[in-house]
All heavy atoms as atom14 arrays in JSON, in Angstrom:
{
  "sequence": "TGNITSFTGTNVTNQPVVATVTVTPTYTNNAVAC",
  "atom14_mask": [
    [1, 1, 1, 1, 1, 1, 1, 0, 0, 0, 0, 0, 0, 0],
    [1, 1, 1, 1, 0, 0, 0, 0, 0, 0, 0, 0, 0, 0],
    [1, 1, 1, 1, 1, 1, 1, 1, 0, 0, 0, 0, 0, 0],
    [1, 1, 1, 1, 1, 1, 1, 1, 0, 0, 0, 0, 0, 0],
    [1, 1, 1, 1, 1, 1, 1, 0, 0, 0, 0, 0, 0, 0],
    [1, 1, 1, 1, 1, 1, 0, 0, 0, 0, 0, 0, 0, 0],
    [1, 1, 1, 1, 1, 1, 1, 1, 1, 1, 1, 0, 0, 0],
    [1, 1, 1, 1, 1, 1, 1, 0, 0, 0, 0, 0, 0, 0],
    [1, 1, 1, 1, 0, 0, 0, 0, 0, 0, 0, 0, 0, 0],
    [1, 1, 1, 1, 1, 1, 1, 0, 0, 0, 0, 0, 0, 0],
    [1, 1, 1, 1, 1, 1, 1, 1, 0, 0, 0, 0, 0, 0],
    [1, 1, 1, 1, 1, 1, 1, 0, 0, 0, 0, 0, 0, 0],
    [1, 1, 1, 1, 1, 1, 1, 0, 0, 0, 0, 0, 0, 0],
    [1, 1, 1, 1, 1, 1, 1, 1, 0, 0, 0, 0, 0, 0],
    [1, 1, 1, 1, 1, 1, 1, 1, 1, 0, 0, 0, 0, 0],
    [1, 1, 1, 1, 1, 1, 1, 0, 0, 0, 0, 0, 0, 0],
    [1, 1, 1, 1, 1, 1, 1, 0, 0, 0, 0, 0, 0, 0],
    [1, 1, 1, 1, 1, 1, 1, 0, 0, 0, 0, 0, 0, 0],
    [1, 1, 1, 1, 1, 0, 0, 0, 0, 0, 0, 0, 0, 0],
    [1, 1, 1, 1, 1, 1, 1, 0, 0, 0, 0, 0, 0, 0],
    [1, 1, 1, 1, 1, 1, 1, 0, 0, 0, 0, 0, 0, 0],
    [1, 1, 1, 1, 1, 1, 1, 0, 0, 0, 0, 0, 0, 0],
    [1, 1, 1, 1, 1, 1, 1, 0, 0, 0, 0, 0, 0, 0],
    [1, 1, 1, 1, 1, 1, 1, 0, 0, 0, 0, 0, 0, 0],
    [1, 1, 1, 1, 1, 1, 1, 0, 0, 0, 0, 0, 0, 0],
    [1, 1, 1, 1, 1, 1, 1, 0, 0, 0, 0, 0, 0, 0],
    [1, 1, 1, 1, 1, 1, 1, 1, 1, 1, 1, 1, 0, 0],
    [1, 1, 1, 1, 1, 1, 1, 0, 0, 0, 0, 0, 0, 0],
    [1, 1, 1, 1, 1, 1, 1, 1, 0, 0, 0, 0, 0, 0],
    [1, 1, 1, 1, 1, 1, 1, 1, 0, 0, 0, 0, 0, 0],
    [1, 1, 1, 1, 1, 0, 0, 0, 0, 0, 0, 0, 0, 0],
    [1, 1, 1, 1, 1, 1, 1, 0, 0, 0, 0, 0, 0, 0],
    [1, 1, 1, 1, 1, 0, 0, 0, 0, 0, 0, 0, 0, 0],
    [1, 1, 1, 1, 1, 1, 0, 0, 0, 0, 0, 0, 0, 0]
  ],
  "atom14_positions": [
    [[-101.18, -344.11, -30.05], [-102.23, -344.42, -29.03], [-101.71, -344.21, -27.63], [-100.61, -344.63, -27.41], [-102.7, -345.93, -29.26], [-103.25, -346.09, -30.59], [-103.78, -346.27, -28.28], [0.0, 0.0, 0.0], [0.0, 0.0, 0.0], [0.0, 0.0, 0.0], [0.0, 0.0, 0.0], [0.0, 0.0, 0.0], [0.0, 0.0, 0.0], [0.0, 0.0, 0.0]],
    [[-102.57, -343.66, -26.83], [-102.07, -343.51, -25.44], [-101.29, -342.18, -25.28], [-101.35, -341.37, -26.07], [0.0, 0.0, 0.0], [0.0, 0.0, 0.0], [0.0, 0.0, 0.0], [0.0, 0.0, 0.0], [0.0, 0.0, 0.0], [0.0, 0.0, 0.0], [0.0, 0.0, 0.0], [0.0, 0.0, 0.0], [0.0, 0.0, 0.0], [0.0, 0.0, 0.0]],
    [[-100.52, -342.21, -24.12], [-99.72, -341.03, -23.87], [-98.64, -340.73, -24.84], [-98.2, -341.64, -25.52], [-99.18, -341.16, -22.39], [-100.2, -341.3, -21.36], [-101.23, -340.77, -21.37], [-99.87, -341.96, -20.3], [0.0, 0.0, 0.0], [0.0, 0.0, 0.0], [0.0, 0.0, 0.0], [0.0, 0.0, 0.0], [0.0, 0.0, 0.0], [0.0, 0.0, 0.0]],
    [[-98.23, -339.47, -24.91], [-97.19, -339.07, -25.81], [-95.91, -338.91, -24.99], [-95.76, -338.11, -23.97], [-97.45, -337.75, -26.56], [-98.76, -337.92, -27.41], [-96.27, -337.28, -27.33], [-99.27, -336.63, -27.99], [0.0, 0.0, 0.0], [0.0, 0.0, 0.0], [0.0, 0.0, 0.0], [0.0, 0.0, 0.0], [0.0, 0.0, 0.0], [0.0, 0.0, 0.0]],
    [[-94.83, -339.66, -25.36], [-93.64, -339.53, -24.54], [-92.84, -338.25, -25.03], [-93.08, -337.7, -26.09], [-92.71, -340.77, -24.87], [-92.47, -340.88, -26.24], [-93.46, -342.03, -24.39], [0.0, 0.0, 0.0], [0.0, 0.0, 0.0], [0.0, 0.0, 0.0], [0.0, 0.0, 0.0], [0.0, 0.0, 0.0], [0.0, 0.0, 0.0], [0.0, 0.0, 0.0]],
    [[-92.02, -337.88, -24.12], [-91.07, -336.64, -24.45], [-90.23, -336.88, -25.72], [-89.84, -338.04, -26.0], [-90.35, -336.29, -23.16], [-89.38, -337.35, -22.87], [0.0, 0.0, 0.0], [0.0, 0.0, 0.0], [0.0, 0.0, 0.0], [0.0, 0.0, 0.0], [0.0, 0.0, 0.0], [0.0, 0.0, 0.0], [0.0, 0.0, 0.0], [0.0, 0.0, 0.0]],
    [[-89.97, -335.75, -26.32], [-89.06, -335.84, -27.56], [-88.28, -334.51, -27.69], [-88.64, -333.54, -27.11], [-89.84, -336.27, -28.73], [-90.86, -335.26, -29.16], [-90.61, -334.28, -30.04], [-92.19, -335.13, -28.5], [-91.5, -333.28, -30.49], [-93.07, -334.15, -28.83], [-92.85, -333.21, -29.77], [0.0, 0.0, 0.0], [0.0, 0.0, 0.0], [0.0, 0.0, 0.0]],
    [[-87.35, -334.52, -28.56], [-86.53, -333.41, -28.74], [-87.16, -332.62, -30.0], [-87.37, -333.18, -31.14], [-85.1, -333.73, -29.05], [-84.5, -334.33, -28.03], [-84.3, -332.4, -29.49], [0.0, 0.0, 0.0], [0.0, 0.0, 0.0], [0.0, 0.0, 0.0], [0.0, 0.0, 0.0], [0.0, 0.0, 0.0], [0.0, 0.0, 0.0], [0.0, 0.0, 0.0]],
    [[-87.61, -331.35, -29.78], [-88.24, -330.56, -30.77], [-87.25, -330.21, -31.84], [-86.1, -329.84, -31.63], [0.0, 0.0, 0.0], [0.0, 0.0, 0.0], [0.0, 0.0, 0.0], [0.0, 0.0, 0.0], [0.0, 0.0, 0.0], [0.0, 0.0, 0.0], [0.0, 0.0, 0.0], [0.0, 0.0, 0.0], [0.0, 0.0, 0.0], [0.0, 0.0, 0.0]],
    [[-87.77, -330.21, -33.13], [-86.93, -329.99, -34.32], [-87.58, -328.96, -35.11], [-88.72, -328.87, -35.45], [-86.81, -331.21, -35.2], [-86.22, -332.3, -34.39], [-85.89, -330.9, -36.38], [0.0, 0.0, 0.0], [0.0, 0.0, 0.0], [0.0, 0.0, 0.0], [0.0, 0.0, 0.0], [0.0, 0.0, 0.0], [0.0, 0.0, 0.0], [0.0, 0.0, 0.0]],
    [[-86.66, -327.91, -35.48], [-87.06, -326.89, -36.45], [-85.81, -326.32, -37.15], [-84.96, -325.82, -36.5], [-87.7, -325.69, -35.63], [-88.24, -324.52, -36.52], [-88.08, -324.61, -37.78], [-88.8, -323.6, -36.01], [0.0, 0.0, 0.0], [0.0, 0.0, 0.0], [0.0, 0.0, 0.0], [0.0, 0.0, 0.0], [0.0, 0.0, 0.0], [0.0, 0.0, 0.0]],
    [[-85.8, -326.53, -38.46], [-84.59, -326.14, -39.23], [-84.9, -324.97, -40.06], [-84.28, -324.77, -41.07], [-84.14, -327.3, -40.07], [-83.57, -328.52, -39.29], [-85.35, -327.82, -41.03], [0.0, 0.0, 0.0], [0.0, 0.0, 0.0], [0.0, 0.0, 0.0], [0.0, 0.0, 0.0], [0.0, 0.0, 0.0], [0.0, 0.0, 0.0], [0.0, 0.0, 0.0]],
    [[-86.0, -324.24, -39.76], [-86.28, -323.03, -40.37], [-86.1, -321.81, -39.49], [-85.67, -321.98, -38.31], [-87.76, -323.01, -40.82], [-88.62, -322.65, -39.62], [-88.13, -324.25, -41.46], [0.0, 0.0, 0.0], [0.0, 0.0, 0.0], [0.0, 0.0, 0.0], [0.0, 0.0, 0.0], [0.0, 0.0, 0.0], [0.0, 0.0, 0.0], [0.0, 0.0, 0.0]],
    [[-86.29, -320.59, -39.97], [-86.14, -319.39, -39.18], [-87.42, -318.87, -38.63], [-87.56, -317.78, -38.28], [-85.36, -318.32, -39.91], [-86.02, -317.75, -41.09], [-87.0, -318.34, -41.57], [-85.73, -316.65, -41.49], [0.0, 0.0, 0.0], [0.0, 0.0, 0.0], [0.0, 0.0, 0.0], [0.0, 0.0, 0.0], [0.0, 0.0, 0.0], [0.0, 0.0, 0.0]],
    [[-88.53, -319.63, -38.85], [-89.92, -319.27, -38.43], [-90.4, -320.33, -37.44], [-89.99, -321.54, -37.49], [-90.86, -319.28, -39.57], [-90.46, -318.22, -40.64], [-90.5, -316.84, -40.15], [-91.43, -316.47, -39.32], [-89.59, -315.89, -40.62], [0.0, 0.0, 0.0], [0.0, 0.0, 0.0], [0.0, 0.0, 0.0], [0.0, 0.0, 0.0], [0.0, 0.0, 0.0]],
    [[-91.25, -319.94, -36.51], [-91.86, -320.91, -35.6], [-92.59, -321.96, -36.34], [-93.28, -321.65, -37.33], [-92.77, -320.12, -34.69], [-92.29, -318.72, -34.75], [-91.73, -318.52, -36.12], [0.0, 0.0, 0.0], [0.0, 0.0, 0.0], [0.0, 0.0, 0.0], [0.0, 0.0, 0.0], [0.0, 0.0, 0.0], [0.0, 0.0, 0.0], [0.0, 0.0, 0.0]],
    [[-92.56, -323.24, -35.91], [-93.34, -324.31, -36.54], [-94.35, -324.75, -35.55], [-94.02, -325.16, -34.45], [-92.48, -325.53, -37.01], [-93.2, -326.63, -37.53], [-91.47, -325.01, -38.06], [0.0, 0.0, 0.0], [0.0, 0.0, 0.0], [0.0, 0.0, 0.0], [0.0, 0.0, 0.0], [0.0, 0.0, 0.0], [0.0, 0.0, 0.0], [0.0, 0.0, 0.0]],
    [[-95.56, -324.81, -35.88], [-96.69, -325.07, -34.97], [-97.37, -326.36, -35.42], [-97.87, -326.46, -36.61], [-97.75, -323.97, -34.95], [-98.8, -324.33, -33.87], [-97.14, -322.74, -34.44], [0.0, 0.0, 0.0], [0.0, 0.0, 0.0], [0.0, 0.0, 0.0], [0.0, 0.0, 0.0], [0.0, 0.0, 0.0], [0.0, 0.0, 0.0], [0.0, 0.0, 0.0]],
    [[-97.33, -327.39, -34.58], [-98.07, -328.64, -34.95], [-99.23, -328.69, -34.09], [-99.32, -328.33, -32.85], [-97.14, -329.8, -34.61], [0.0, 0.0, 0.0], [0.0, 0.0, 0.0], [0.0, 0.0, 0.0], [0.0, 0.0, 0.0], [0.0, 0.0, 0.0], [0.0, 0.0, 0.0], [0.0, 0.0, 0.0], [0.0, 0.0, 0.0], [0.0, 0.0, 0.0]],
    [[-100.39, -329.16, -34.72], [-101.63, -329.39, -34.0], [-101.92, -330.89, -33.81], [-101.79, -331.67, -34.68], [-102.81, -328.82, -34.72], [-102.61, -327.36, -35.01], [-104.11, -329.09, -34.1], [0.0, 0.0, 0.0], [0.0, 0.0, 0.0], [0.0, 0.0, 0.0], [0.0, 0.0, 0.0], [0.0, 0.0, 0.0], [0.0, 0.0, 0.0], [0.0, 0.0, 0.0]],
    [[-102.04, -331.28, -32.59], [-102.24, -332.67, -32.2], [-103.66, -332.79, -31.93], [-104.27, -332.13, -30.96], [-101.35, -333.16, -31.05], [-101.56, -334.68, -30.75], [-99.86, -332.84, -31.36], [0.0, 0.0, 0.0], [0.0, 0.0, 0.0], [0.0, 0.0, 0.0], [0.0, 0.0, 0.0], [0.0, 0.0, 0.0], [0.0, 0.0, 0.0], [0.0, 0.0, 0.0]],
    [[-104.38, -333.77, -32.53], [-105.9, -334.02, -32.25], [-105.94, -335.31, -31.59], [-105.48, -336.32, -31.99], [-106.6, -334.15, -33.63], [-106.47, -332.93, -34.26], [-108.11, -334.22, -33.29], [0.0, 0.0, 0.0], [0.0, 0.0, 0.0], [0.0, 0.0, 0.0], [0.0, 0.0, 0.0], [0.0, 0.0, 0.0], [0.0, 0.0, 0.0], [0.0, 0.0, 0.0]],
    [[-106.59, -335.35, -30.36], [-106.86, -336.55, -29.58], [-108.32, -336.99, -29.71], [-109.26, -336.22, -29.6], [-106.58, -336.32, -28.09], [-106.72, -337.61, -27.27], [-105.12, -335.84, -28.04], [0.0, 0.0, 0.0], [0.0, 0.0, 0.0], [0.0, 0.0, 0.0], [0.0, 0.0, 0.0], [0.0, 0.0, 0.0], [0.0, 0.0, 0.0], [0.0, 0.0, 0.0]],
    [[-108.52, -338.33, -30.07], [-109.87, -338.92, -30.24], [-110.06, -339.92, -29.08], [-109.31, -340.87, -29.05], [-110.06, -339.49, -31.55], [-109.82, -338.52, -32.5], [-111.41, -340.08, -31.69], [0.0, 0.0, 0.0], [0.0, 0.0, 0.0], [0.0, 0.0, 0.0], [0.0, 0.0, 0.0], [0.0, 0.0, 0.0], [0.0, 0.0, 0.0], [0.0, 0.0, 0.0]],
    [[-111.11, -339.86, -28.29], [-111.39, -340.8, -27.26], [-112.37, -341.77, -27.72], [-113.39, -341.51, -28.45], [-111.96, -339.97, -26.13], [-112.72, -338.85, -26.71], [-111.95, -338.63, -28.08], [0.0, 0.0, 0.0], [0.0, 0.0, 0.0], [0.0, 0.0, 0.0], [0.0, 0.0, 0.0], [0.0, 0.0, 0.0], [0.0, 0.0, 0.0], [0.0, 0.0, 0.0]],
    [[-112.16, -343.05, -27.51], [-113.16, -344.15, -27.9], [-113.34, -345.12, -26.65], [-112.38, -345.64, -26.14], [-112.54, -344.99, -29.1], [-112.34, -344.04, -30.19], [-113.57, -346.02, -29.51], [0.0, 0.0, 0.0], [0.0, 0.0, 0.0], [0.0, 0.0, 0.0], [0.0, 0.0, 0.0], [0.0, 0.0, 0.0], [0.0, 0.0, 0.0], [0.0, 0.0, 0.0]],
    [[-114.65, -345.27, -26.45], [-114.95, -346.21, -25.32], [-115.8, -347.4, -25.85], [-116.77, -347.08, -26.66], [-115.85, -345.54, -24.19], [-116.43, -346.43, -23.13], [-115.56, -346.89, -22.16], [-117.8, -346.95, -23.24], [-116.08, -347.76, -21.18], [-118.28, -347.78, -22.26], [-117.41, -348.24, -21.27], [-117.81, -349.17, -20.31], [0.0, 0.0, 0.0], [0.0, 0.0, 0.0]],
    [[-115.32, -348.57, -25.65], [-116.0, -349.74, -26.29], [-116.56, -350.64, -25.17], [-115.97, -350.98, -24.15], [-114.96, -350.55, -27.03], [-114.36, -349.72, -28.04], [-115.69, -351.83, -27.7], [0.0, 0.0, 0.0], [0.0, 0.0, 0.0], [0.0, 0.0, 0.0], [0.0, 0.0, 0.0], [0.0, 0.0, 0.0], [0.0, 0.0, 0.0], [0.0, 0.0, 0.0]],
    [[-117.88, -351.04, -25.34], [-118.64, -351.95, -24.43], [-119.53, -352.74, -25.24], [-120.27, -352.26, -26.11], [-119.38, -351.08, -23.4], [-120.29, -351.99, -22.47], [-119.76, -352.91, -21.91], [-121.59, -351.65, -22.4], [0.0, 0.0, 0.0], [0.0, 0.0, 0.0], [0.0, 0.0, 0.0], [0.0, 0.0, 0.0], [0.0, 0.0, 0.0], [0.0, 0.0, 0.0]],
    [[-119.54, -354.05, -24.92], [-120.44, -354.98, -25.7], [-120.23, -354.9, -27.17], [-121.16, -354.88, -27.93], [-121.84, -354.83, -25.4], [-122.15, -355.41, -23.94], [-121.52, -356.23, -23.43], [-123.14, -354.74, -23.31], [0.0, 0.0, 0.0], [0.0, 0.0, 0.0], [0.0, 0.0, 0.0], [0.0, 0.0, 0.0], [0.0, 0.0, 0.0], [0.0, 0.0, 0.0]],
    [[-118.95, -354.69, -27.64], [-118.53, -354.67, -29.05], [-119.06, -353.44, -29.78], [-119.07, -353.3, -30.99], [-119.03, -355.88, -29.84], [0.0, 0.0, 0.0], [0.0, 0.0, 0.0], [0.0, 0.0, 0.0], [0.0, 0.0, 0.0], [0.0, 0.0, 0.0], [0.0, 0.0, 0.0], [0.0, 0.0, 0.0], [0.0, 0.0, 0.0], [0.0, 0.0, 0.0]],
    [[-119.58, -352.44, -28.93], [-120.0, -351.2, -29.57], [-119.07, -350.15, -29.13], [-118.87, -349.73, -28.05], [-121.48, -350.84, -29.09], [-121.9, -349.51, -29.68], [-122.43, -351.88, -29.63], [0.0, 0.0, 0.0], [0.0, 0.0, 0.0], [0.0, 0.0, 0.0], [0.0, 0.0, 0.0], [0.0, 0.0, 0.0], [0.0, 0.0, 0.0], [0.0, 0.0, 0.0]],
    [[-118.4, -349.5, -30.2], [-117.43, -348.46, -30.02], [-118.07, -347.07, -29.96], [-118.72, -346.8, -31.01], [-116.25, -348.51, -30.93], [0.0, 0.0, 0.0], [0.0, 0.0, 0.0], [0.0, 0.0, 0.0], [0.0, 0.0, 0.0], [0.0, 0.0, 0.0], [0.0, 0.0, 0.0], [0.0, 0.0, 0.0], [0.0, 0.0, 0.0], [0.0, 0.0, 0.0]],
    [[-117.8, -346.36, -28.99], [-118.45, -344.94, -28.95], [-117.37, -343.99, -28.9], [-116.55, -343.92, -28.04], [-119.3, -344.76, -27.62], [-120.66, -346.0, -27.54], [0.0, 0.0, 0.0], [0.0, 0.0, 0.0], [0.0, 0.0, 0.0], [0.0, 0.0, 0.0], [0.0, 0.0, 0.0], [0.0, 0.0, 0.0], [0.0, 0.0, 0.0], [0.0, 0.0, 0.0]]
  ]
}
Protein backbone atom coordinates (compact mmCIF):
# COMPACT_ATOMS: atom_id res chain seq x y z
CA THR A 1 0.00 0.00 0.00
CA GLY A 2 1.27 3.45 -0.88
CA ASN A 3 4.59 4.33 -2.46
CA ILE A 4 7.12 1.68 -3.47
CA THR A 5 10.55 2.09 -1.91
CA SER A 6 13.73 1.51 -3.87
CA PHE A 7 15.19 -2.00 -3.96
CA THR A 8 17.94 -4.00 -5.60
CA GLY A 9 16.81 -5.71 -8.78
CA THR A 10 17.38 -9.44 -8.97
CA ASN A 11 17.70 -11.68 -12.02
CA VAL A 12 19.50 -15.05 -11.89
CA THR A 13 18.67 -16.00 -15.47
CA ASN A 14 20.24 -15.08 -18.78
CA GLN A 15 16.98 -13.49 -20.05
CA PRO A 16 15.29 -10.20 -19.10
CA VAL A 17 12.68 -10.60 -16.35
CA VAL A 18 9.69 -8.26 -16.69
CA ALA A 19 7.39 -7.64 -13.73
CA THR A 20 4.03 -5.91 -14.14
CA VAL A 21 2.87 -3.81 -11.20
CA THR A 22 -0.85 -2.98 -11.04
CA VAL A 23 -1.96 0.01 -8.95
CA THR A 24 -5.55 0.28 -7.69
CA PRO A 25 -6.90 3.59 -6.30
CA THR A 26 -9.66 3.59 -3.68
CA TYR A 27 -11.43 6.65 -2.31
CA THR A 28 -13.67 6.20 0.74
CA ASN A 29 -16.28 8.68 1.96
CA ASN A 30 -19.17 8.04 4.37
CA ALA A 31 -18.14 4.37 4.56
CA VAL A 32 -18.60 3.95 0.81
CA ALA A 33 -15.41 2.84 -0.95
CA CYS A 34 -15.10 3.86 -4.59
